[in-house]
PDB file of N, CA and C in Angstrom:
ATOM      1  N   MET A   1      39.243  63.408 -20.081  1.00  0.00           N
ATOM      2  CA  MET A   1      38.541  62.128 -20.042  1.00  0.00           C
ATOM      3  C   MET A   1      38.045  62.250 -21.736  1.00  0.00           C
ATOM      4  N   ASN A   2      38.366  60.959 -22.546  1.00  0.00           N
ATOM      5  CA  ASN A   2      37.928  60.889 -24.056  1.00  0.00           C
ATOM      6  C   ASN A   2      36.673  59.867 -24.041  1.00  0.00           C
ATOM      7  N   LEU A   3      35.730  60.507 -24.553  1.00  0.00           N
ATOM      8  CA  LEU A   3      34.683  59.407 -24.555  1.00  0.00           C
ATOM      9  C   LEU A   3      33.861  58.913 -25.880  1.00  0.00           C
ATOM     10  N   ASN A   4      34.936  59.424 -26.967  1.00  0.00           N
ATOM     11  CA  ASN A   4      34.608  59.328 -28.342  1.00  0.00           C
ATOM     12  C   ASN A   4      34.218  58.064 -28.712  1.00  0.00           C
ATOM     13  N   GLY A   5      35.064  56.700 -28.352  1.00  0.00           N
ATOM     14  CA  GLY A   5      34.835  55.473 -28.295  1.00  0.00           C
ATOM     15  C   GLY A   5      33.862  55.007 -27.572  1.00  0.00           C
ATOM     16  N   ILE A   6      33.046  55.535 -26.559  1.00  0.00           N
ATOM     17  CA  ILE A   6      32.014  55.479 -25.964  1.00  0.00           C
ATOM     18  C   ILE A   6      30.689  55.369 -26.698  1.00  0.00           C
ATOM     19  N   ILE A   7      30.966  56.828 -26.940  1.00  0.00           N
ATOM     20  CA  ILE A   7      29.909  57.808 -27.886  1.00  0.00           C
ATOM     21  C   ILE A   7      29.794  56.620 -29.472  1.00  0.00           C
ATOM     22  N   VAL A   8      30.966  56.240 -29.963  1.00  0.00           N
ATOM     23  CA  VAL A   8      30.808  55.472 -31.082  1.00  0.00           C
ATOM     24  C   VAL A   8      30.181  53.835 -31.153  1.00  0.00           C
ATOM     25  N   GLY A   9      30.656  53.484 -29.969  1.00  0.00           N
ATOM     26  CA  GLY A   9      30.151  52.380 -29.721  1.00  0.00           C
ATOM     27  C   GLY A   9      28.481  52.228 -29.537  1.00  0.00           C
ATOM     28  N   ALA A  10      28.340  52.856 -28.395  1.00  0.00           N
ATOM     29  CA  ALA A  10      26.559  53.073 -28.313  1.00  0.00           C
ATOM     30  C   ALA A  10      26.051  53.282 -29.467  1.00  0.00           C
ATOM     31  N   ALA A  11      26.343  54.182 -30.224  1.00  0.00           N
ATOM     32  CA  ALA A  11      25.961  54.562 -31.472  1.00  0.00           C
ATOM     33  C   ALA A  11      25.848  52.968 -32.447  1.00  0.00           C
ATOM     34  N   VAL A  12      26.703  52.705 -32.378  1.00  0.00           N
ATOM     35  CA  VAL A  12      26.820  51.129 -33.867  1.00  0.00           C
ATOM     36  C   VAL A  12      25.943  50.347 -32.684  1.00  0.00           C
ATOM     37  N   PHE A  13      25.983  50.289 -31.536  1.00  0.00           N
ATOM     38  CA  PHE A  13      25.176  49.224 -31.009  1.00  0.00           C
ATOM     39  C   PHE A  13      23.472  49.168 -31.757  1.00  0.00           C
ATOM     40  N   LEU A  14      23.427  51.154 -31.270  1.00  0.00           N
ATOM     41  CA  LEU A  14      21.967  51.193 -31.882  1.00  0.00           C
ATOM     42  C   LEU A  14      21.530  50.866 -33.199  1.00  0.00           C
ATOM     43  N   ILE A  15      22.582  50.958 -33.677  1.00  0.00           N
ATOM     44  CA  ILE A  15      22.673  50.799 -35.429  1.00  0.00           C
ATOM     45  C   ILE A  15      22.325  49.376 -35.576  1.00  0.00           C
ATOM     46  N   ILE A  16      22.849  48.540 -35.055  1.00  0.00           N
ATOM     47  CA  ILE A  16      22.741  46.963 -35.187  1.00  0.00           C
ATOM     48  C   ILE A  16      21.312  46.641 -34.552  1.00  0.00           C
ATOM     49  N   GLY A  17      20.924  47.151 -33.291  1.00  0.00           N
ATOM     50  CA  GLY A  17      19.775  46.934 -32.853  1.00  0.00           C
ATOM     51  C   GLY A  17      18.572  47.741 -33.894  1.00  0.00           C
ATOM     52  N   ILE A  18      18.813  48.559 -34.219  1.00  0.00           N
ATOM     53  CA  ILE A  18      17.934  48.986 -35.511  1.00  0.00           C
ATOM     54  C   ILE A  18      17.601  48.294 -36.733  1.00  0.00           C
ATOM     55  N   CYS A  19      18.817  47.921 -37.229  1.00  0.00           N
ATOM     56  CA  CYS A  19      19.105  46.997 -38.669  1.00  0.00           C
ATOM     57  C   CYS A  19      18.247  45.608 -38.368  1.00  0.00           C
ATOM     58  N   HIS A  20      18.380  44.811 -37.600  1.00  0.00           N
ATOM     59  CA  HIS A  20      17.825  43.574 -36.876  1.00  0.00           C
ATOM     60  C   HIS A  20      16.049  43.574 -37.274  1.00  0.00           C
ATOM     61  N   PRO A  21      15.683  44.465 -36.602  1.00  0.00           N
ATOM     62  CA  PRO A  21      14.024  44.477 -37.312  1.00  0.00           C
ATOM     63  C   PRO A  21      13.686  45.177 -38.811  1.00  0.00           C
ATOM     64  N   ILE A  22      14.443  45.650 -39.191  1.00  0.00           N
ATOM     65  CA  ILE A  22      14.424  46.249 -40.246  1.00  0.00           C
ATOM     66  C   ILE A  22      14.444  45.215 -41.541  1.00  0.00           C
ATOM     67  N   VAL A  23      15.463  44.509 -41.508  1.00  0.00           N
ATOM     68  CA  VAL A  23      15.818  43.262 -42.309  1.00  0.00           C
ATOM     69  C   VAL A  23      14.693  42.139 -42.170  1.00  0.00           C
ATOM     70  N   ILE A  24      14.306  41.808 -41.125  1.00  0.00           N
ATOM     71  CA  ILE A  24      12.865  41.169 -40.691  1.00  0.00           C
ATOM     72  C   ILE A  24      12.046  41.657 -41.911  1.00  0.00           C
ATOM     73  N   LYS A  25      11.324  42.878 -41.575  1.00  0.00           N
ATOM     74  CA  LYS A  25      10.321  43.426 -42.150  1.00  0.00           C
ATOM     75  C   LYS A  25      10.661  43.447 -43.480  1.00  0.00           C
ATOM     76  N   LEU A  26      11.735  43.784 -44.100  1.00  0.00           N
ATOM     77  CA  LEU A  26      11.861  43.859 -45.358  1.00  0.00           C
ATOM     78  C   LEU A  26      11.693  42.463 -46.220  1.00  0.00           C
ATOM     79  N   GLU A  27      12.148  41.342 -45.485  1.00  0.00           N
ATOM     80  CA  GLU A  27      11.870  40.421 -45.990  1.00  0.00           C
ATOM     81  C   GLU A  27      10.884  39.694 -45.610  1.00  0.00           C
ATOM     82  N   TYR A  28      10.144  39.898 -44.882  1.00  0.00           N
ATOM     83  CA  TYR A  28       8.558  39.353 -44.710  1.00  0.00           C
ATOM     84  C   TYR A  28       7.621  40.284 -46.091  1.00  0.00           C
ATOM     85  N   HIS A  29       7.926  41.784 -45.848  1.00  0.00           N
ATOM     86  CA  HIS A  29       6.946  42.517 -46.749  1.00  0.00           C
ATOM     87  C   HIS A  29       7.204  42.279 -48.458  1.00  0.00           C
ATOM     88  N   TRP A  30       8.540  42.148 -49.052  1.00  0.00           N
ATOM     89  CA  TRP A  30       9.015  42.254 -49.961  1.00  0.00           C
ATOM     90  C   TRP A  30      10.389  40.681 -50.438  1.00  0.00           C
ATOM     91  N   GLY A  31      10.266  40.136 -49.226  1.00  0.00           N
ATOM     92  CA  GLY A  31      11.667  39.157 -49.909  1.00  0.00           C
ATOM     93  C   GLY A  31      12.924  39.198 -49.695  1.00  0.00           C
ATOM     94  N   LYS A  32      13.477  38.574 -50.320  1.00  0.00           N
ATOM     95  CA  LYS A  32      15.093  38.757 -50.591  1.00  0.00           C
ATOM     96  C   LYS A  32      15.366  39.660 -51.791  1.00  0.00           C
ATOM     97  N   GLN A  33      14.560  40.001 -52.176  1.00  0.00           N
ATOM     98  CA  GLN A  33      14.379  41.056 -53.679  1.00  0.00           C
ATOM     99  C   GLN A  33      14.332  42.314 -52.600  1.00  0.00           C
ATOM    100  N   SER A  34      14.448  42.171 -51.910  1.00  0.00           N
ATOM    101  CA  SER A  34      14.617  44.007 -51.086  1.00  0.00           C
ATOM    102  C   SER A  34      16.122  44.059 -50.946  1.00  0.00           C
ATOM    103  N   TRP A  35      17.037  43.559 -51.464  1.00  0.00           N
ATOM    104  CA  TRP A  35      18.307  43.785 -51.136  1.00  0.00           C
ATOM    105  C   TRP A  35      18.737  45.189 -51.210  1.00  0.00           C
ATOM    106  N   TRP A  36      18.423  45.512 -52.535  1.00  0.00           N
ATOM    107  CA  TRP A  36      18.737  46.577 -53.042  1.00  0.00           C
ATOM    108  C   TRP A  36      18.338  47.812 -51.893  1.00  0.00           C
ATOM    109  N   VAL A  37      17.519  47.775 -51.262  1.00  0.00           N
ATOM    110  CA  VAL A  37      17.183  48.910 -50.317  1.00  0.00           C
ATOM    111  C   VAL A  37      17.883  48.891 -49.195  1.00  0.00           C
ATOM    112  N   MET A  38      18.988  47.794 -48.861  1.00  0.00           N
ATOM    113  CA  MET A  38      19.871  47.757 -47.565  1.00  0.00           C
ATOM    114  C   MET A  38      20.974  48.767 -48.525  1.00  0.00           C
ATOM    115  N   ALA A  39      21.129  48.302 -49.838  1.00  0.00           N
ATOM    116  CA  ALA A  39      22.405  48.564 -50.952  1.00  0.00           C
ATOM    117  C   ALA A  39      22.329  50.165 -51.028  1.00  0.00           C
ATOM    118  N   LEU A  40      21.466  50.581 -51.350  1.00  0.00           N
ATOM    119  CA  LEU A  40      20.982  51.395 -51.685  1.00  0.00           C
ATOM    120  C   LEU A  40      21.057  52.691 -50.077  1.00  0.00           C
ATOM    121  N   ALA A  41      20.625  52.115 -49.027  1.00  0.00           N
ATOM    122  CA  ALA A  41      21.284  52.966 -47.861  1.00  0.00           C
ATOM    123  C   ALA A  41      22.185  52.465 -47.758  1.00  0.00           C
ATOM    124  N   GLY A  42      23.382  51.708 -47.799  1.00  0.00           N
ATOM    125  CA  GLY A  42      24.552  51.762 -47.390  1.00  0.00           C
ATOM    126  C   GLY A  42      25.396  52.704 -48.441  1.00  0.00           C
ATOM    127  N   VAL A  43      25.016  52.836 -49.328  1.00  0.00           N
ATOM    128  CA  VAL A  43      25.941  53.938 -50.279  1.00  0.00           C
ATOM    129  C   VAL A  43      25.310  55.223 -50.094  1.00  0.00           C
ATOM    130  N   VAL A  44      24.500  55.322 -49.380  1.00  0.00           N
ATOM    131  CA  VAL A  44      23.878  56.940 -49.075  1.00  0.00           C
ATOM    132  C   VAL A  44      24.945  57.008 -47.972  1.00  0.00           C
ATOM    133  N   PHE A  45      24.748  56.311 -47.158  1.00  0.00           N
ATOM    134  CA  PHE A  45      25.419  56.439 -45.449  1.00  0.00           C
ATOM    135  C   PHE A  45      27.212  56.119 -45.801  1.00  0.00           C
ATOM    136  N   SER A  46      27.319  55.839 -46.835  1.00  0.00           N
ATOM    137  CA  SER A  46      28.771  55.675 -47.339  1.00  0.00           C
ATOM    138  C   SER A  46      29.087  57.321 -47.845  1.00  0.00           C
ATOM    139  N   ALA A  47      28.599  57.497 -48.865  1.00  0.00           N
ATOM    140  CA  ALA A  47      28.568  58.990 -49.152  1.00  0.00           C
ATOM    141  C   ALA A  47      28.793  60.035 -48.172  1.00  0.00           C
ATOM    142  N   PHE A  48      27.830  60.178 -47.301  1.00  0.00           N
ATOM    143  CA  PHE A  48      27.622  60.865 -46.252  1.00  0.00           C
ATOM    144  C   PHE A  48      29.036  60.639 -45.264  1.00  0.00           C
ATOM    145  N   SER A  49      29.205  59.825 -45.152  1.00  0.00           N
ATOM    146  CA  SER A  49      30.279  59.605 -44.000  1.00  0.00           C
ATOM    147  C   SER A  49      31.758  60.436 -44.933  1.00  0.00           C
ATOM    148  N   ILE A  50      31.699  59.963 -46.260  1.00  0.00           N
ATOM    149  CA  ILE A  50      33.172  60.478 -46.990  1.00  0.00           C
ATOM    150  C   ILE A  50      33.163  62.214 -46.385  1.00  0.00           C
ATOM    151  N   PHE A  51      31.855  62.922 -47.048  1.00  0.00           N
ATOM    152  CA  PHE A  51      31.613  64.140 -47.262  1.00  0.00           C
ATOM    153  C   PHE A  51      31.748  65.113 -45.157  1.00  0.00           C
ATOM    154  N   VAL A  52      31.609  64.266 -44.691  1.00  0.00           N
ATOM    155  CA  VAL A  52      31.416  64.742 -42.972  1.00  0.00           C
ATOM    156  C   VAL A  52      32.534  65.263 -42.383  1.00  0.00           C
ATOM    157  N   ASP A  53      32.637  66.490 -42.129  1.00  0.00           N
ATOM    158  CA  ASP A  53      34.111  66.730 -41.288  1.00  0.00           C
ATOM    159  C   ASP A  53      34.130  66.445 -40.059  1.00  0.00           C
ATOM    160  N   ASN A  54      32.909  65.757 -39.219  1.00  0.00           N
ATOM    161  CA  ASN A  54      33.173  65.641 -37.909  1.00  0.00           C
ATOM    162  C   ASN A  54      33.455  64.097 -38.051  1.00  0.00           C
ATOM    163  N   LEU A  55      34.717  64.075 -37.301  1.00  0.00           N
ATOM    164  CA  LEU A  55      35.111  62.576 -36.979  1.00  0.00           C
ATOM    165  C   LEU A  55      34.619  61.654 -36.294  1.00  0.00           C
ATOM    166  N   ILE A  56      33.931  61.643 -35.226  1.00  0.00           N
ATOM    167  CA  ILE A  56      32.740  60.952 -34.680  1.00  0.00           C
ATOM    168  C   ILE A  56      31.156  60.587 -35.449  1.00  0.00           C
ATOM    169  N   LEU A  57      31.100  61.455 -36.011  1.00  0.00           N
ATOM    170  CA  LEU A  57      30.093  61.000 -37.236  1.00  0.00           C
ATOM    171  C   LEU A  57      30.196  60.660 -38.582  1.00  0.00           C
ATOM    172  N   SER A  58      31.000  60.831 -38.749  1.00  0.00           N
ATOM    173  CA  SER A  58      31.935  60.310 -39.925  1.00  0.00           C
ATOM    174  C   SER A  58      31.984  58.552 -39.932  1.00  0.00           C
ATOM    175  N   THR A  59      32.600  58.255 -38.486  1.00  0.00           N
ATOM    176  CA  THR A  59      32.531  57.089 -38.081  1.00  0.00           C
ATOM    177  C   THR A  59      31.311  56.535 -37.863  1.00  0.00           C
ATOM    178  N   ILE A  60      30.447  57.194 -37.413  1.00  0.00           N
ATOM    179  CA  ILE A  60      29.152  56.294 -37.053  1.00  0.00           C
ATOM    180  C   ILE A  60      28.145  56.272 -38.381  1.00  0.00           C
ATOM    181  N   LEU A  61      28.389  57.050 -39.311  1.00  0.00           N
ATOM    182  CA  LEU A  61      27.944  56.903 -40.582  1.00  0.00           C
ATOM    183  C   LEU A  61      28.550  56.091 -41.528  1.00  0.00           C
ATOM    184  N   GLY A  62      29.700  55.780 -41.374  1.00  0.00           N
ATOM    185  CA  GLY A  62      30.699  54.665 -41.803  1.00  0.00           C
ATOM    186  C   GLY A  62      30.098  52.895 -41.323  1.00  0.00           C
ATOM    187  N   ALA A  63      29.763  53.203 -39.688  1.00  0.00           N
ATOM    188  CA  ALA A  63      29.249  51.859 -39.294  1.00  0.00           C
ATOM    189  C   ALA A  63      27.505  51.561 -39.903  1.00  0.00           C
ATOM    190  N   ALA A  64      27.421  52.832 -40.229  1.00  0.00           N
ATOM    191  CA  ALA A  64      25.450  52.426 -40.505  1.00  0.00           C
ATOM    192  C   ALA A  64      25.687  51.637 -41.935  1.00  0.00           C
ATOM    193  N   ALA A  65      26.687  52.407 -42.874  1.00  0.00           N
ATOM    194  CA  ALA A  65      26.740  51.861 -44.063  1.00  0.00           C
ATOM    195  C   ALA A  65      26.992  50.343 -43.937  1.00  0.00           C
ATOM    196  N   PHE A  66      28.469  50.057 -43.352  1.00  0.00           N
ATOM    197  CA  PHE A  66      28.560  48.786 -43.700  1.00  0.00           C
ATOM    198  C   PHE A  66      27.560  47.851 -42.568  1.00  0.00           C
ATOM    199  N   SER A  67      26.946  48.319 -41.841  1.00  0.00           N
ATOM    200  CA  SER A  67      25.304  47.621 -41.258  1.00  0.00           C
ATOM    201  C   SER A  67      24.668  47.407 -42.286  1.00  0.00           C
ATOM    202  N   CYS A  68      24.460  48.074 -43.007  1.00  0.00           N
ATOM    203  CA  CYS A  68      23.360  47.872 -43.844  1.00  0.00           C
ATOM    204  C   CYS A  68      24.211  46.906 -45.230  1.00  0.00           C
ATOM    205  N   PHE A  69      25.066  47.162 -45.441  1.00  0.00           N
ATOM    206  CA  PHE A  69      25.552  46.057 -46.343  1.00  0.00           C
ATOM    207  C   PHE A  69      25.904  45.279 -45.906  1.00  0.00           C
ATOM    208  N   TRP A  70      25.959  44.719 -44.500  1.00  0.00           N
ATOM    209  CA  TRP A  70      25.143  43.551 -44.108  1.00  0.00           C
ATOM    210  C   TRP A  70      24.554  42.682 -44.143  1.00  0.00           C
ATOM    211  N   GLY A  71      23.604  43.785 -43.766  1.00  0.00           N
ATOM    212  CA  GLY A  71      21.745  43.291 -43.763  1.00  0.00           C
ATOM    213  C   GLY A  71      21.578  42.376 -45.116  1.00  0.00           C
ATOM    214  N   ILE A  72      22.142  43.113 -46.446  1.00  0.00           N
ATOM    215  CA  ILE A  72      22.178  42.481 -47.502  1.00  0.00           C
ATOM    216  C   ILE A  72      22.168  40.822 -47.291  1.00  0.00           C
ATOM    217  N   HIS A  73      23.202  40.425 -46.801  1.00  0.00           N
ATOM    218  CA  HIS A  73      23.294  39.396 -46.179  1.00  0.00           C
ATOM    219  C   HIS A  73      22.477  38.485 -45.535  1.00  0.00           C
ATOM    220  N   GLU A  74      22.050  39.173 -44.516  1.00  0.00           N
ATOM    221  CA  GLU A  74      20.859  39.212 -43.510  1.00  0.00           C
ATOM    222  C   GLU A  74      19.734  39.099 -44.425  1.00  0.00           C
ATOM    223  N   ILE A  75      19.266  39.611 -45.124  1.00  0.00           N
ATOM    224  CA  ILE A  75      18.067  39.455 -46.121  1.00  0.00           C
ATOM    225  C   ILE A  75      17.823  38.145 -46.476  1.00  0.00           C
ATOM    226  N   ILE A  76      19.125  37.865 -47.324  1.00  0.00           N
ATOM    227  CA  ILE A  76      19.136  36.197 -47.903  1.00  0.00           C
ATOM    228  C   ILE A  76      18.846  34.993 -46.545  1.00  0.00           C
ATOM    229  N   CYS A  77      19.482  35.252 -45.679  1.00  0.00           N
ATOM    230  CA  CYS A  77      19.558  34.158 -44.416  1.00  0.00           C
ATOM    231  C   CYS A  77      18.356  34.742 -43.913  1.00  0.00           C
ATOM    232  N   GLN A  78      17.553  35.408 -43.764  1.00  0.00           N
ATOM    233  CA  GLN A  78      16.546  35.772 -43.280  1.00  0.00           C
ATOM    234  C   GLN A  78      15.379  34.366 -44.455  1.00  0.00           C
ATOM    235  N   GLU A  79      15.156  34.828 -45.213  1.00  0.00           N
ATOM    236  CA  GLU A  79      14.777  33.878 -46.109  1.00  0.00           C
ATOM    237  C   GLU A  79      14.481  32.539 -45.436  1.00  0.00           C
ATOM    238  N   LYS A  80      15.970  32.253 -45.777  1.00  0.00           N
ATOM    239  CA  LYS A  80      15.997  30.708 -45.029  1.00  0.00           C
ATOM    240  C   LYS A  80      15.524  30.466 -43.640  1.00  0.00           C
ATOM    241  N   ARG A  81      15.694  31.631 -43.060  1.00  0.00           N
ATOM    242  CA  ARG A  81      15.155  31.204 -41.282  1.00  0.00           C
ATOM    243  C   ARG A  81      13.564  31.337 -41.785  1.00  0.00           C
ATOM    244  N   VAL A  82      12.834  31.946 -42.375  1.00  0.00           N
ATOM    245  CA  VAL A  82      11.463  31.769 -42.863  1.00  0.00           C
ATOM    246  C   VAL A  82      10.920  30.449 -43.077  1.00  0.00           C
ATOM    247  N   LEU A  83      11.963  29.836 -44.320  1.00  0.00           N
ATOM    248  CA  LEU A  83      11.755  28.421 -44.849  1.00  0.00           C
ATOM    249  C   LEU A  83      11.940  27.339 -43.753  1.00  0.00           C
ATOM    250  N   ARG A  84      12.597  27.579 -42.913  1.00  0.00           N
ATOM    251  CA  ARG A  84      13.037  26.881 -41.747  1.00  0.00           C
ATOM    252  C   ARG A  84      11.763  26.981 -40.764  1.00  0.00           C
ATOM    253  N   GLY A  85      10.556  27.733 -40.636  1.00  0.00           N
ATOM    254  CA  GLY A  85       9.938  27.692 -39.708  1.00  0.00           C
ATOM    255  C   GLY A  85      10.438  28.315 -38.761  1.00  0.00           C
ATOM    256  N   TRP A  86      11.021  29.530 -38.548  1.00  0.00           N
ATOM    257  CA  TRP A  86      12.148  29.916 -37.319  1.00  0.00           C
ATOM    258  C   TRP A  86      11.310  31.327 -37.485  1.00  0.00           C
ATOM    259  N   PHE A  87      10.881  31.920 -38.499  1.00  0.00           N
ATOM    260  CA  PHE A  87      10.248  33.127 -38.460  1.00  0.00           C
ATOM    261  C   PHE A  87       8.557  32.857 -38.999  1.00  0.00           C
ATOM    262  N   PRO A  88       7.723  33.989 -39.077  1.00  0.00           N
ATOM    263  CA  PRO A  88       6.635  33.822 -40.084  1.00  0.00           C
ATOM    264  C   PRO A  88       6.735  34.356 -41.452  1.00  0.00           C
ATOM    265  N   GLU A  89       6.045  33.427 -42.053  1.00  0.00           N
ATOM    266  CA  GLU A  89       6.125  33.797 -43.455  1.00  0.00           C
ATOM    267  C   GLU A  89       5.065  35.034 -43.690  1.00  0.00           C
ATOM    268  N   ASN A  90       5.117  35.807 -44.623  1.00  0.00           N
ATOM    269  CA  ASN A  90       4.166  36.333 -45.058  1.00  0.00           C
ATOM    270  C   ASN A  90       2.764  35.777 -45.733  1.00  0.00           C
ATOM    271  N   PRO A  91       1.834  35.570 -45.163  1.00  0.00           N
ATOM    272  CA  PRO A  91       0.775  34.722 -45.948  1.00  0.00           C
ATOM    273  C   PRO A  91       0.529  35.281 -47.179  1.00  0.00           C
ATOM    274  N   LYS A  92       0.715  36.531 -48.166  1.00  0.00           N
ATOM    275  CA  LYS A  92       0.612  36.820 -49.001  1.00  0.00           C
ATOM    276  C   LYS A  92       1.525  36.139 -50.188  1.00  0.00           C
ATOM    277  N   ARG A  93       2.539  35.843 -49.741  1.00  0.00           N
ATOM    278  CA  ARG A  93       3.619  35.058 -50.382  1.00  0.00           C
ATOM    279  C   ARG A  93       3.695  33.834 -50.189  1.00  0.00           C
ATOM    280  N   HIS A  94       3.066  33.127 -49.568  1.00  0.00           N
ATOM    281  CA  HIS A  94       2.985  31.435 -49.314  1.00  0.00           C
ATOM    282  C   HIS A  94       3.280  30.741 -50.461  1.00  0.00           C
ATOM    283  N   ASP A  95       2.689  31.195 -51.507  1.00  0.00           N
ATOM    284  CA  ASP A  95       3.254  30.323 -52.972  1.00  0.00           C
ATOM    285  C   ASP A  95       4.630  30.443 -53.102  1.00  0.00           C
ATOM    286  N   TYR A  96       5.056  31.618 -52.992  1.00  0.00           N
ATOM    287  CA  TYR A  96       6.335  31.815 -53.515  1.00  0.00           C
ATOM    288  C   TYR A  96       7.370  30.802 -52.446  1.00  0.00           C
ATOM    289  N   TYR A  97       6.771  30.623 -51.187  1.00  0.00           N
ATOM    290  CA  TYR A  97       7.688  30.069 -50.420  1.00  0.00           C
ATOM    291  C   TYR A  97       7.555  28.647 -50.568  1.00  0.00           C
ATOM    292  N   GLU A  98       6.430  28.111 -51.132  1.00  0.00           N
ATOM    293  CA  GLU A  98       6.098  26.568 -51.197  1.00  0.00           C
ATOM    294  C   GLU A  98       7.217  26.384 -52.686  1.00  0.00           C
ATOM    295  N   LYS A  99       7.159  27.285 -53.605  1.00  0.00           N
ATOM    296  CA  LYS A  99       7.593  26.912 -54.489  1.00  0.00           C
ATOM    297  C   LYS A  99       9.232  26.762 -53.761  1.00  0.00           C
ATOM    298  N   LEU A 100       9.894  27.581 -53.234  1.00  0.00           N
ATOM    299  CA  LEU A 100      11.198  27.063 -52.664  1.00  0.00           C
ATOM    300  C   LEU A 100      11.248  26.107 -51.829  1.00  0.00           C
ATOM    301  N   ARG A 101       9.866  25.504 -50.909  1.00  0.00           N
ATOM    302  CA  ARG A 101      10.358  24.724 -50.577  1.00  0.00           C
ATOM    303  C   ARG A 101      10.237  23.195 -51.455  1.00  0.00           C
ATOM    304  N   GLY A 102       9.637  23.294 -52.671  1.00  0.00           N
ATOM    305  CA  GLY A 102       9.691  22.226 -53.462  1.00  0.00           C
ATOM    306  C   GLY A 102      10.855  21.817 -53.629  1.00  0.00           C
ATOM    307  N   ARG A 103      11.783  22.911 -54.073  1.00  0.00           N
ATOM    308  CA  ARG A 103      13.037  23.128 -54.381  1.00  0.00           C
ATOM    309  C   ARG A 103      13.885  22.498 -53.647  1.00  0.00           C
ATOM    310  N   CYS A 104      14.019  22.626 -51.927  1.00  0.00           N
ATOM    311  CA  CYS A 104      15.018  22.124 -51.497  1.00  0.00           C
ATOM    312  C   CYS A 104      14.982  20.819 -51.347  1.00  0.00           C
TER     313      CYS A 104
END
C-alpha cells in the first residue's frame, strides 16, 4: 500500500490552513507591505525543496513554497477585505485605511 499521496495531501491541507491566519496577521500588523515576508518564505522553502533528497519532503516543501507565493496575492486581497469591513482593521493603522477609502 502506497500512502505517499495521502501524506502529501494531508500536509498540503495543513499548510494551507496555517497560511490563512498568517496572511490575516501579516496584513493586520504590517499591511500589504508585508508581502516580502511571504516571498522570502517561498524562496526559502523552494531552495530547501530543491536540495532535499526525500521525495515526499521535497514535495511538501514545494507545496509550502507555492502556498507562500499565493499568500502574496492573498495579503493584497486581505487589505481589500478589511476595507470592505469583512475583517477588523488595526486601530493603529486607521489613518492609512481612511486614506484608501477616500480614493475608492
